[in-house]
PDB file of N, CA and C in Angstrom:
ATOM      1  N   MET A   1      -9.022 -35.834 -10.292  1.00  0.00           N
ATOM      2  CA  MET A   1      -7.721 -35.326 -10.690  1.00  0.00           C
ATOM      3  C   MET A   1      -7.850 -33.962 -11.362  1.00  0.00           C
ATOM      4  N   ASN A   2      -8.964 -33.742 -12.048  1.00  0.00           N
ATOM      5  CA  ASN A   2      -9.152 -32.455 -12.710  1.00  0.00           C
ATOM      6  C   ASN A   2      -9.266 -31.294 -11.720  1.00  0.00           C
ATOM      7  N   ILE A   3      -9.723 -31.599 -10.513  1.00  0.00           N
ATOM      8  CA  ILE A   3      -9.851 -30.531  -9.518  1.00  0.00           C
ATOM      9  C   ILE A   3      -8.488 -29.973  -9.130  1.00  0.00           C
ATOM     10  N   PHE A   4      -7.436 -30.788  -9.194  1.00  0.00           N
ATOM     11  CA  PHE A   4      -6.089 -30.302  -8.884  1.00  0.00           C
ATOM     12  C   PHE A   4      -5.656 -29.215  -9.858  1.00  0.00           C
ATOM     13  N   TYR A   5      -5.994 -29.393 -11.131  1.00  0.00           N
ATOM     14  CA  TYR A   5      -5.638 -28.372 -12.121  1.00  0.00           C
ATOM     15  C   TYR A   5      -6.367 -27.062 -11.829  1.00  0.00           C
ATOM     16  N   LEU A   6      -7.604 -27.156 -11.426  1.00  0.00           N
ATOM     17  CA  LEU A   6      -8.374 -25.963 -11.075  1.00  0.00           C
ATOM     18  C   LEU A   6      -7.778 -25.291  -9.841  1.00  0.00           C
ATOM     19  N   LEU A   7      -7.457 -26.087  -8.812  1.00  0.00           N
ATOM     20  CA  LEU A   7      -6.890 -25.523  -7.587  1.00  0.00           C
ATOM     21  C   LEU A   7      -5.525 -24.889  -7.826  1.00  0.00           C
ATOM     22  N   ILE A   8      -4.704 -25.498  -8.646  1.00  0.00           N
ATOM     23  CA  ILE A   8      -3.397 -24.926  -8.971  1.00  0.00           C
ATOM     24  C   ILE A   8      -3.572 -23.614  -9.724  1.00  0.00           C
ATOM     25  N   GLY A   9      -4.490 -23.573 -10.659  1.00  0.00           N
ATOM     26  CA  GLY A   9      -4.748 -22.344 -11.410  1.00  0.00           C
ATOM     27  C   GLY A   9      -5.266 -21.221 -10.522  1.00  0.00           C
ATOM     28  N   VAL A  10      -6.195 -21.539  -9.634  1.00  0.00           N
ATOM     29  CA  VAL A  10      -6.747 -20.525  -8.731  1.00  0.00           C
ATOM     30  C   VAL A  10      -5.682 -20.028  -7.764  1.00  0.00           C
ATOM     31  N   SER A  11      -4.860 -20.925  -7.250  1.00  0.00           N
ATOM     32  CA  SER A  11      -3.817 -20.503  -6.313  1.00  0.00           C
ATOM     33  C   SER A  11      -2.755 -19.649  -7.002  1.00  0.00           C
ATOM     34  N   LEU A  12      -2.411 -19.974  -8.242  1.00  0.00           N
ATOM     35  CA  LEU A  12      -1.464 -19.137  -8.981  1.00  0.00           C
ATOM     36  C   LEU A  12      -2.052 -17.765  -9.270  1.00  0.00           C
ATOM     37  N   LEU A  13      -3.314 -17.713  -9.594  1.00  0.00           N
ATOM     38  CA  LEU A  13      -3.977 -16.431  -9.823  1.00  0.00           C
ATOM     39  C   LEU A  13      -3.991 -15.584  -8.551  1.00  0.00           C
ATOM     40  N   ALA A  14      -4.306 -16.197  -7.422  1.00  0.00           N
ATOM     41  CA  ALA A  14      -4.308 -15.470  -6.140  1.00  0.00           C
ATOM     42  C   ALA A  14      -2.902 -14.985  -5.798  1.00  0.00           C
ATOM     43  N   ALA A  15      -1.894 -15.806  -6.040  1.00  0.00           N
ATOM     44  CA  ALA A  15      -0.517 -15.405  -5.758  1.00  0.00           C
ATOM     45  C   ALA A  15      -0.102 -14.224  -6.641  1.00  0.00           C
ATOM     46  N   LEU A  16      -0.504 -14.231  -7.892  1.00  0.00           N
ATOM     47  CA  LEU A  16      -0.182 -13.110  -8.781  1.00  0.00           C
ATOM     48  C   LEU A  16      -0.883 -11.828  -8.354  1.00  0.00           C
ATOM     49  N   ILE A  17      -2.103 -11.943  -7.867  1.00  0.00           N
ATOM     50  CA  ILE A  17      -2.820 -10.761  -7.380  1.00  0.00           C
ATOM     51  C   ILE A  17      -2.119 -10.180  -6.157  1.00  0.00           C
ATOM     52  N   PHE A  18      -1.719 -11.028  -5.219  1.00  0.00           N
ATOM     53  CA  PHE A  18      -1.010 -10.551  -4.035  1.00  0.00           C
ATOM     54  C   PHE A  18       0.352  -9.967  -4.401  1.00  0.00           C
ATOM     55  N   LEU A  19       1.043 -10.550  -5.362  1.00  0.00           N
ATOM     56  CA  LEU A  19       2.324 -10.012  -5.803  1.00  0.00           C
ATOM     57  C   LEU A  19       2.145  -8.645  -6.442  1.00  0.00           C
ATOM     58  N   ALA A  20       1.117  -8.487  -7.250  1.00  0.00           N
ATOM     59  CA  ALA A  20       0.840  -7.193  -7.875  1.00  0.00           C
ATOM     60  C   ALA A  20       0.490  -6.143  -6.822  1.00  0.00           C
ATOM     61  N   ALA A  21      -0.285  -6.513  -5.807  1.00  0.00           N
ATOM     62  CA  ALA A  21      -0.627  -5.573  -4.732  1.00  0.00           C
ATOM     63  C   ALA A  21       0.612  -5.169  -3.950  1.00  0.00           C
ATOM     64  N   PHE A  22       1.517  -6.100  -3.696  1.00  0.00           N
ATOM     65  CA  PHE A  22       2.753  -5.788  -2.989  1.00  0.00           C
ATOM     66  C   PHE A  22       3.635  -4.855  -3.809  1.00  0.00           C
ATOM     67  N   ILE A  23       3.797  -5.124  -5.076  1.00  0.00           N
ATOM     68  CA  ILE A  23       4.619  -4.260  -5.939  1.00  0.00           C
ATOM     69  C   ILE A  23       4.011  -2.870  -6.027  1.00  0.00           C
ATOM     70  N   TRP A  24       2.680  -2.784  -6.117  1.00  0.00           N
ATOM     71  CA  TRP A  24       2.011  -1.481  -6.152  1.00  0.00           C
ATOM     72  C   TRP A  24       2.263  -0.708  -4.857  1.00  0.00           C
ATOM     73  N   ALA A  25       2.213  -1.385  -3.705  1.00  0.00           N
ATOM     74  CA  ALA A  25       2.439  -0.734  -2.417  1.00  0.00           C
ATOM     75  C   ALA A  25       3.877  -0.235  -2.300  1.00  0.00           C
ATOM     76  N   VAL A  26       4.826  -1.003  -2.781  1.00  0.00           N
ATOM     77  CA  VAL A  26       6.225  -0.591  -2.717  1.00  0.00           C
ATOM     78  C   VAL A  26       6.459   0.626  -3.606  1.00  0.00           C
ATOM     79  N   LYS A  27       5.885   0.634  -4.786  1.00  0.00           N
ATOM     80  CA  LYS A  27       6.068   1.761  -5.701  1.00  0.00           C
ATOM     81  C   LYS A  27       5.385   3.028  -5.200  1.00  0.00           C
ATOM     82  N   ASN A  28       4.333   2.898  -4.404  1.00  0.00           N
ATOM     83  CA  ASN A  28       3.634   4.067  -3.882  1.00  0.00           C
ATOM     84  C   ASN A  28       4.175   4.535  -2.542  1.00  0.00           C
ATOM     85  N   GLY A  29       5.261   3.959  -2.072  1.00  0.00           N
ATOM     86  CA  GLY A  29       5.934   4.448  -0.874  1.00  0.00           C
ATOM     87  C   GLY A  29       5.342   3.992   0.442  1.00  0.00           C
ATOM     88  N   GLN A  30       4.661   2.882   0.473  1.00  0.00           N
ATOM     89  CA  GLN A  30       4.073   2.401   1.717  1.00  0.00           C
ATOM     90  C   GLN A  30       5.130   1.955   2.730  1.00  0.00           C
ATOM     91  N   PHE A  31       6.297   1.593   2.275  1.00  0.00           N
ATOM     92  CA  PHE A  31       7.325   1.048   3.158  1.00  0.00           C
ATOM     93  C   PHE A  31       8.554   1.939   3.252  1.00  0.00           C
ATOM     94  N   ASP A  32       8.414   3.246   2.978  1.00  0.00           N
ATOM     95  CA  ASP A  32       9.556   4.144   2.974  1.00  0.00           C
ATOM     96  C   ASP A  32      10.039   4.507   4.381  1.00  0.00           C
ATOM     97  N   ASP A  33       9.130   4.761   5.306  1.00  0.00           N
ATOM     98  CA  ASP A  33       9.499   5.229   6.638  1.00  0.00           C
ATOM     99  C   ASP A  33       9.737   4.034   7.556  1.00  0.00           C
ATOM    100  N   GLU A  34      11.008   3.790   7.858  1.00  0.00           N
ATOM    101  CA  GLU A  34      11.350   2.656   8.710  1.00  0.00           C
ATOM    102  C   GLU A  34      11.688   3.063  10.130  1.00  0.00           C
ATOM    103  N   LYS A  35      12.034   4.330  10.354  1.00  0.00           N
ATOM    104  CA  LYS A  35      12.488   4.767  11.678  1.00  0.00           C
ATOM    105  C   LYS A  35      11.361   5.240  12.586  1.00  0.00           C
ATOM    106  N   THR A  36      10.437   6.026  12.076  1.00  0.00           N
ATOM    107  CA  THR A  36       9.437   6.687  12.915  1.00  0.00           C
ATOM    108  C   THR A  36       8.581   5.730  13.735  1.00  0.00           C
ATOM    109  N   PRO A  37       8.083   4.624  13.208  1.00  0.00           N
ATOM    110  CA  PRO A  37       7.243   3.760  14.056  1.00  0.00           C
ATOM    111  C   PRO A  37       7.963   3.242  15.303  1.00  0.00           C
ATOM    112  N   SER A  38       9.252   3.032  15.236  1.00  0.00           N
ATOM    113  CA  SER A  38       9.957   2.537  16.418  1.00  0.00           C
ATOM    114  C   SER A  38      10.171   3.634  17.454  1.00  0.00           C
ATOM    115  N   TYR A  39      10.173   4.903  17.055  1.00  0.00           N
ATOM    116  CA  TYR A  39      10.346   6.011  17.997  1.00  0.00           C
ATOM    117  C   TYR A  39       9.021   6.547  18.518  1.00  0.00           C
ATOM    118  N   ARG A  40       7.916   6.206  17.886  1.00  0.00           N
ATOM    119  CA  ARG A  40       6.624   6.770  18.246  1.00  0.00           C
ATOM    120  C   ARG A  40       6.234   6.444  19.679  1.00  0.00           C
ATOM    121  N   ILE A  41       6.645   5.298  20.195  1.00  0.00           N
ATOM    122  CA  ILE A  41       6.279   4.923  21.557  1.00  0.00           C
ATOM    123  C   ILE A  41       6.984   5.802  22.588  1.00  0.00           C
ATOM    124  N   LEU A  42       8.080   6.432  22.213  1.00  0.00           N
ATOM    125  CA  LEU A  42       8.822   7.264  23.150  1.00  0.00           C
ATOM    126  C   LEU A  42       8.205   8.645  23.331  1.00  0.00           C
ATOM    127  N   PHE A  43       7.375   9.087  22.407  1.00  0.00           N
ATOM    128  CA  PHE A  43       6.776  10.414  22.497  1.00  0.00           C
ATOM    129  C   PHE A  43       5.630  10.399  23.491  1.00  0.00           C
ATOM    130  N   ASP A  44       5.495  11.509  24.223  1.00  0.00           N
ATOM    131  CA  ASP A  44       4.389  11.633  25.170  1.00  0.00           C
ATOM    132  C   ASP A  44       3.088  11.856  24.420  1.00  0.00           C
ATOM    133  N   ASP A  45       2.018  11.400  25.035  1.00  0.00           N
ATOM    134  CA  ASP A  45       0.698  11.666  24.472  1.00  0.00           C
ATOM    135  C   ASP A  45       0.355  13.130  24.716  1.00  0.00           C
ATOM    136  N   GLU A  46      -0.572  13.642  23.936  1.00  0.00           N
ATOM    137  CA  GLU A  46      -1.036  15.007  24.135  1.00  0.00           C
ATOM    138  C   GLU A  46      -1.739  15.093  25.485  1.00  0.00           C
ATOM    139  N   PRO A  47      -1.483  16.165  26.258  1.00  0.00           N
ATOM    140  CA  PRO A  47      -2.170  16.284  27.553  1.00  0.00           C
ATOM    141  C   PRO A  47      -3.663  16.523  27.345  1.00  0.00           C
ATOM    142  N   GLU A  48      -4.436  15.969  28.244  1.00  0.00           N
ATOM    143  CA  GLU A  48      -5.876  16.160  28.155  1.00  0.00           C
ATOM    144  C   GLU A  48      -6.221  17.553  28.643  1.00  0.00           C
ATOM    145  N   GLU A  49      -7.137  18.211  27.939  1.00  0.00           N
ATOM    146  CA  GLU A  49      -7.547  19.550  28.333  1.00  0.00           C
ATOM    147  C   GLU A  49      -8.603  19.462  29.420  1.00  0.00           C
ATOM    148  N   LEU A  50      -8.492  20.382  30.395  1.00  0.00           N
ATOM    149  CA  LEU A  50      -9.473  20.443  31.462  1.00  0.00           C
ATOM    150  C   LEU A  50     -10.686  21.222  30.984  1.00  0.00           C
ATOM    151  N   PRO A  51     -11.865  20.920  31.514  1.00  0.00           N
ATOM    152  CA  PRO A  51     -13.039  21.741  31.172  1.00  0.00           C
ATOM    153  C   PRO A  51     -12.843  23.181  31.635  1.00  0.00           C
ATOM    154  N   GLU A  52     -13.587  24.113  31.077  1.00  0.00           N
ATOM    155  CA  GLU A  52     -13.430  25.537  31.371  1.00  0.00           C
ATOM    156  C   GLU A  52     -13.591  25.834  32.857  1.00  0.00           C
ATOM    157  N   ALA A  53     -14.515  25.198  33.542  1.00  0.00           N
ATOM    158  CA  ALA A  53     -14.742  25.473  34.968  1.00  0.00           C
ATOM    159  C   ALA A  53     -13.509  25.127  35.782  1.00  0.00           C
ATOM    160  N   GLU A  54     -12.842  24.028  35.464  1.00  0.00           N
ATOM    161  CA  GLU A  54     -11.652  23.638  36.210  1.00  0.00           C
ATOM    162  C   GLU A  54     -10.474  24.533  35.846  1.00  0.00           C
ATOM    163  N   ASN A  55     -10.399  25.005  34.607  1.00  0.00           N
ATOM    164  CA  ASN A  55      -9.334  25.923  34.208  1.00  0.00           C
ATOM    165  C   ASN A  55      -9.420  27.221  34.989  1.00  0.00           C
ATOM    166  N   ASN A  56     -10.624  27.746  35.186  1.00  0.00           N
ATOM    167  CA  ASN A  56     -10.803  29.014  35.898  1.00  0.00           C
ATOM    168  C   ASN A  56     -10.464  28.879  37.357  1.00  0.00           C
ATOM    169  N   THR A  57     -10.809  27.775  38.001  1.00  0.00           N
ATOM    170  CA  THR A  57     -10.512  27.609  39.416  1.00  0.00           C
ATOM    171  C   THR A  57      -9.023  27.382  39.648  1.00  0.00           C
ATOM    172  N   LYS A  58      -8.360  26.750  38.748  1.00  0.00           N
ATOM    173  CA  LYS A  58      -6.928  26.511  38.901  1.00  0.00           C
ATOM    174  C   LYS A  58      -6.140  27.801  38.730  1.00  0.00           C
ATOM    175  N   LYS A  59      -6.596  28.704  37.887  1.00  0.00           N
ATOM    176  CA  LYS A  59      -5.900  29.968  37.664  1.00  0.00           C
ATOM    177  C   LYS A  59      -6.035  30.898  38.831  1.00  0.00           C
ATOM    178  N   THR A  60      -7.148  30.855  39.546  1.00  0.00           N
ATOM    179  CA  THR A  60      -7.369  31.774  40.661  1.00  0.00           C
ATOM    180  C   THR A  60      -6.657  31.316  41.912  1.00  0.00           C
ATOM    181  N   ASN A  61      -6.315  30.051  42.054  1.00  0.00           N
ATOM    182  CA  ASN A  61      -5.655  29.558  43.259  1.00  0.00           C
ATOM    183  C   ASN A  61      -4.235  29.882  43.200  1.00  0.00           C
TER     184      ASN A  61
END
């Protein structure tokens, strides 16, 4: 039965640590930007650059 008291104490301590980490994240602005992640998939990726040899041949054609 004594182990239950230990487990309850440890679980409450872990919950308080997670609550403190969440409050710290909110105060530091981790959750401020709500719009950009949903629009990020719509943006095109950066085009891949061709090596110099292929750039020169494409310009001359």
